[in-house]
Amino acid sequence: MRRNALILLAVLLVNLAGCGLFRGGEKASVRLDLDREANAAARLQPGDTLLLDVRHPGDGGYQFSGASFDPKVLRLEKFWTEPPENPKPGDFGRAYFEFTALGEGGTTVEIRIRRPWEKGSAPELYRSVSVEVAAPAGKS
């Protein structure tokens, strides 16, 4: 009976380690809420995730035009929007940009918006995030 319990415990620990519940297999995640500031900064390690959380700029007719960054430093994994939890006039919900840090270096993520009917105008800078990616001390 005791042997079976030890085997069960060992199997459980191996499965949990494979799921990344222990820090050794897990990558850090940085989440930035960009509502109160147009410019922010983040420090990451290769493999870390960066999640940018912004208010949707739909009030005033704006739409997202894109995000620019150095693809050697970051990879955009996913972009999505969510409607507001408690809709109010002028609230168009949230938008999320999820990145993975690829390699060491620095880049600036620039999120741009535009009004679709303003054909000749350049997209406007909406939010900017300065990102530094560096390996932990002693690992390069």
C-alpha atoms as a PDB file:
ATOM      1  CA  MET A   1       0.000   0.000   0.000  1.00  0.00           C
ATOM      2  CA  ARG A   2       2.789   2.396   0.981  1.00  0.00           C
ATOM      3  CA  ARG A   3       4.735   1.526  -2.171  1.00  0.00           C
ATOM      4  CA  ASN A   4       1.691   2.308  -4.344  1.00  0.00           C
ATOM      5  CA  ALA A   5       1.287   5.678  -2.635  1.00  0.00           C
ATOM      6  CA  LEU A   6       4.950   6.525  -3.317  1.00  0.00           C
ATOM      7  CA  ILE A   7       4.617   5.512  -6.966  1.00  0.00           C
ATOM      8  CA  LEU A   8       1.459   7.614  -7.307  1.00  0.00           C
ATOM      9  CA  LEU A   9       3.216  10.603  -5.722  1.00  0.00           C
ATOM     10  CA  ALA A  10       6.219  10.218  -8.061  1.00  0.00           C
ATOM     11  CA  VAL A  11       3.949  10.052 -11.139  1.00  0.00           C
ATOM     12  CA  LEU A  12       2.040  13.128  -9.943  1.00  0.00           C
ATOM     13  CA  LEU A  13       5.255  15.128  -9.409  1.00  0.00           C
ATOM     14  CA  VAL A  14       6.588  14.178 -12.855  1.00  0.00           C
ATOM     15  CA  ASN A  15       3.304  15.256 -14.482  1.00  0.00           C
ATOM     16  CA  LEU A  16       3.242  18.559 -12.591  1.00  0.00           C
ATOM     17  CA  ALA A  17       6.827  19.302 -13.588  1.00  0.00           C
ATOM     18  CA  GLY A  18       5.941  18.618 -17.230  1.00  0.00           C
ATOM     19  CA  CYS A  19       3.054  21.069 -17.000  1.00  0.00           C
ATOM     20  CA  GLY A  20       5.421  23.840 -15.968  1.00  0.00           C
ATOM     21  CA  LEU A  21       4.041  24.315 -12.462  1.00  0.00           C
ATOM     22  CA  PHE A  22       7.553  24.399 -11.053  1.00  0.00           C
ATOM     23  CA  ARG A  23       9.625  27.514 -11.802  1.00  0.00           C
ATOM     24  CA  GLY A  24      12.324  25.530 -13.594  1.00  0.00           C
ATOM     25  CA  GLY A  25      10.108  24.903 -16.633  1.00  0.00           C
ATOM     26  CA  GLU A  26       8.161  28.142 -16.558  1.00  0.00           C
ATOM     27  CA  LYS A  27       8.940  31.388 -18.334  1.00  0.00           C
ATOM     28  CA  ALA A  28       8.227  34.722 -16.724  1.00  0.00           C
ATOM     29  CA  SER A  29       5.422  36.912 -17.959  1.00  0.00           C
ATOM     30  CA  VAL A  30       5.248  40.703 -17.878  1.00  0.00           C
ATOM     31  CA  ARG A  31       1.879  42.418 -18.217  1.00  0.00           C
ATOM     32  CA  LEU A  32       1.652  46.159 -18.815  1.00  0.00           C
ATOM     33  CA  ASP A  33      -1.616  48.078 -18.514  1.00  0.00           C
ATOM     34  CA  LEU A  34      -1.080  51.053 -20.813  1.00  0.00           C
ATOM     35  CA  ASP A  35      -4.189  53.054 -19.904  1.00  0.00           C
ATOM     36  CA  ARG A  36      -2.486  55.734 -17.842  1.00  0.00           C
ATOM     37  CA  GLU A  37       0.693  56.195 -19.815  1.00  0.00           C
ATOM     38  CA  ALA A  38       1.507  56.545 -23.483  1.00  0.00           C
ATOM     39  CA  ASN A  39       5.129  55.437 -22.918  1.00  0.00           C
ATOM     40  CA  ALA A  40       6.244  52.474 -20.830  1.00  0.00           C
ATOM     41  CA  ALA A  41       9.263  50.181 -20.442  1.00  0.00           C
ATOM     42  CA  ALA A  42       9.825  46.467 -19.870  1.00  0.00           C
ATOM     43  CA  ARG A  43      12.865  44.289 -19.144  1.00  0.00           C
ATOM     44  CA  LEU A  44      12.656  40.669 -20.283  1.00  0.00           C
ATOM     45  CA  GLN A  45      14.747  37.550 -20.675  1.00  0.00           C
ATOM     46  CA  PRO A  46      14.725  35.440 -23.853  1.00  0.00           C
ATOM     47  CA  GLY A  47      11.609  33.247 -23.792  1.00  0.00           C
ATOM     48  CA  ASP A  48       9.606  35.597 -21.552  1.00  0.00           C
ATOM     49  CA  THR A  49       6.126  36.736 -22.531  1.00  0.00           C
ATOM     50  CA  LEU A  50       5.089  40.387 -22.735  1.00  0.00           C
ATOM     51  CA  LEU A  51       1.361  41.183 -22.656  1.00  0.00           C
ATOM     52  CA  LEU A  52       0.314  44.726 -23.512  1.00  0.00           C
ATOM     53  CA  ASP A  53      -3.191  45.601 -22.326  1.00  0.00           C
ATOM     54  CA  VAL A  54      -4.685  48.781 -23.850  1.00  0.00           C
ATOM     55  CA  ARG A  55      -8.038  50.508 -24.033  1.00  0.00           C
ATOM     56  CA  HIS A  56      -9.573  50.108 -27.472  1.00  0.00           C
ATOM     57  CA  PRO A  57      -9.354  53.495 -29.245  1.00  0.00           C
ATOM     58  CA  GLY A  58     -12.749  53.156 -30.995  1.00  0.00           C
ATOM     59  CA  ASP A  59     -14.093  56.325 -29.359  1.00  0.00           C
ATOM     60  CA  GLY A  60     -13.515  58.937 -32.045  1.00  0.00           C
ATOM     61  CA  GLY A  61     -13.613  56.382 -34.858  1.00  0.00           C
ATOM     62  CA  TYR A  62     -10.064  55.088 -34.464  1.00  0.00           C
ATOM     63  CA  GLN A  63      -8.972  51.565 -35.339  1.00  0.00           C
ATOM     64  CA  PHE A  64      -5.674  49.814 -34.743  1.00  0.00           C
ATOM     65  CA  SER A  65      -3.327  50.249 -37.677  1.00  0.00           C
ATOM     66  CA  GLY A  66      -0.581  47.925 -36.453  1.00  0.00           C
ATOM     67  CA  ALA A  67       2.387  47.490 -34.156  1.00  0.00           C
ATOM     68  CA  SER A  68       6.016  47.927 -35.169  1.00  0.00           C
ATOM     69  CA  PHE A  69       9.017  46.340 -33.401  1.00  0.00           C
ATOM     70  CA  ASP A  70      12.293  44.556 -34.171  1.00  0.00           C
ATOM     71  CA  PRO A  71      11.437  40.948 -35.171  1.00  0.00           C
ATOM     72  CA  LYS A  72      14.895  39.788 -34.054  1.00  0.00           C
ATOM     73  CA  VAL A  73      14.035  40.793 -30.477  1.00  0.00           C
ATOM     74  CA  LEU A  74      10.281  40.106 -30.223  1.00  0.00           C
ATOM     75  CA  ARG A  75       7.673  37.965 -31.949  1.00  0.00           C
ATOM     76  CA  LEU A  76       3.988  38.949 -31.932  1.00  0.00           C
ATOM     77  CA  GLU A  77       2.198  35.775 -30.890  1.00  0.00           C
ATOM     78  CA  LYS A  78      -1.341  37.036 -30.702  1.00  0.00           C
ATOM     79  CA  PHE A  79      -3.530  40.135 -30.982  1.00  0.00           C
ATOM     80  CA  TRP A  80      -7.138  40.131 -29.808  1.00  0.00           C
ATOM     81  CA  THR A  81      -9.875  42.425 -28.554  1.00  0.00           C
ATOM     82  CA  GLU A  82     -12.535  41.908 -25.914  1.00  0.00           C
ATOM     83  CA  PRO A  83     -15.789  43.832 -25.510  1.00  0.00           C
ATOM     84  CA  PRO A  84     -16.311  45.882 -22.336  1.00  0.00           C
ATOM     85  CA  GLU A  85     -17.556  44.006 -19.269  1.00  0.00           C
ATOM     86  CA  ASN A  86     -20.075  46.737 -18.388  1.00  0.00           C
ATOM     87  CA  PRO A  87     -20.680  48.684 -21.607  1.00  0.00           C
ATOM     88  CA  LYS A  88     -20.872  52.454 -21.298  1.00  0.00           C
ATOM     89  CA  PRO A  89     -20.983  55.083 -24.051  1.00  0.00           C
ATOM     90  CA  GLY A  90     -17.506  55.509 -25.545  1.00  0.00           C
ATOM     91  CA  ASP A  91     -16.173  52.224 -24.104  1.00  0.00           C
ATOM     92  CA  PHE A  92     -15.033  49.927 -26.902  1.00  0.00           C
ATOM     93  CA  GLY A  93     -13.389  47.338 -24.657  1.00  0.00           C
ATOM     94  CA  ARG A  94      -9.783  46.182 -24.446  1.00  0.00           C
ATOM     95  CA  ALA A  95      -7.093  45.153 -26.896  1.00  0.00           C
ATOM     96  CA  TYR A  96      -4.200  42.811 -26.134  1.00  0.00           C
ATOM     97  CA  PHE A  97      -0.832  42.338 -27.824  1.00  0.00           C
ATOM     98  CA  GLU A  98       1.090  39.235 -26.700  1.00  0.00           C
ATOM     99  CA  PHE A  99       4.801  39.001 -27.550  1.00  0.00           C
ATOM    100  CA  THR A 100       7.576  36.486 -26.915  1.00  0.00           C
ATOM    101  CA  ALA A 101      11.136  37.714 -26.310  1.00  0.00           C
ATOM    102  CA  LEU A 102      13.383  35.983 -28.838  1.00  0.00           C
ATOM    103  CA  GLY A 103      16.898  37.288 -28.422  1.00  0.00           C
ATOM    104  CA  GLU A 104      18.965  39.823 -26.597  1.00  0.00           C
ATOM    105  CA  GLY A 105      18.680  43.438 -27.655  1.00  0.00           C
ATOM    106  CA  GLY A 106      16.420  46.418 -27.473  1.00  0.00           C
ATOM    107  CA  THR A 107      13.381  47.531 -29.429  1.00  0.00           C
ATOM    108  CA  THR A 108      10.438  49.858 -29.144  1.00  0.00           C
ATOM    109  CA  VAL A 109       6.936  48.530 -29.671  1.00  0.00           C
ATOM    110  CA  GLU A 110       4.899  51.288 -31.303  1.00  0.00           C
ATOM    111  CA  ILE A 111       1.140  50.745 -31.456  1.00  0.00           C
ATOM    112  CA  ARG A 112      -0.481  52.945 -34.089  1.00  0.00           C
ATOM    113  CA  ILE A 113      -4.098  53.915 -34.786  1.00  0.00           C
ATOM    114  CA  ARG A 114      -5.946  55.649 -37.602  1.00  0.00           C
ATOM    115  CA  ARG A 115      -9.389  56.643 -38.789  1.00  0.00           C
ATOM    116  CA  PRO A 116     -10.297  54.563 -41.841  1.00  0.00           C
ATOM    117  CA  TRP A 117     -11.937  57.478 -43.687  1.00  0.00           C
ATOM    118  CA  GLU A 118      -8.771  59.612 -43.453  1.00  0.00           C
ATOM    119  CA  LYS A 119      -7.129  57.956 -46.468  1.00  0.00           C
ATOM    120  CA  GLY A 120      -4.169  60.311 -46.887  1.00  0.00           C
ATOM    121  CA  SER A 121      -3.135  60.561 -43.247  1.00  0.00           C
ATOM    122  CA  ALA A 122      -0.367  58.584 -41.606  1.00  0.00           C
ATOM    123  CA  PRO A 123      -1.264  56.360 -38.633  1.00  0.00           C
ATOM    124  CA  GLU A 124      -0.902  58.096 -35.253  1.00  0.00           C
ATOM    125  CA  LEU A 125       1.251  56.790 -32.413  1.00  0.00           C
ATOM    126  CA  TYR A 126      -1.111  55.521 -29.694  1.00  0.00           C
ATOM    127  CA  ARG A 127       1.222  53.754 -27.233  1.00  0.00           C
ATOM    128  CA  SER A 128       4.961  53.096 -27.081  1.00  0.00           C
ATOM    129  CA  VAL A 129       6.853  50.515 -25.011  1.00  0.00           C
ATOM    130  CA  SER A 130      10.641  50.394 -24.773  1.00  0.00           C
ATOM    131  CA  VAL A 131      11.736  46.759 -24.383  1.00  0.00           C
ATOM    132  CA  GLU A 132      15.143  45.430 -23.305  1.00  0.00           C
ATOM    133  CA  VAL A 133      15.814  41.700 -23.579  1.00  0.00           C
ATOM    134  CA  ALA A 134      18.887  40.338 -21.798  1.00  0.00           C
ATOM    135  CA  ALA A 135      19.970  36.921 -20.583  1.00  0.00           C
ATOM    136  CA  PRO A 136      20.206  36.497 -16.813  1.00  0.00           C
ATOM    137  CA  ALA A 137      23.578  37.449 -15.296  1.00  0.00           C
ATOM    138  CA  GLY A 138      26.126  34.714 -15.932  1.00  0.00           C
ATOM    139  CA  LYS A 139      24.228  33.241 -18.923  1.00  0.00           C
ATOM    140  CA  SER A 140      25.039  34.632 -22.349  1.00  0.00           C
END
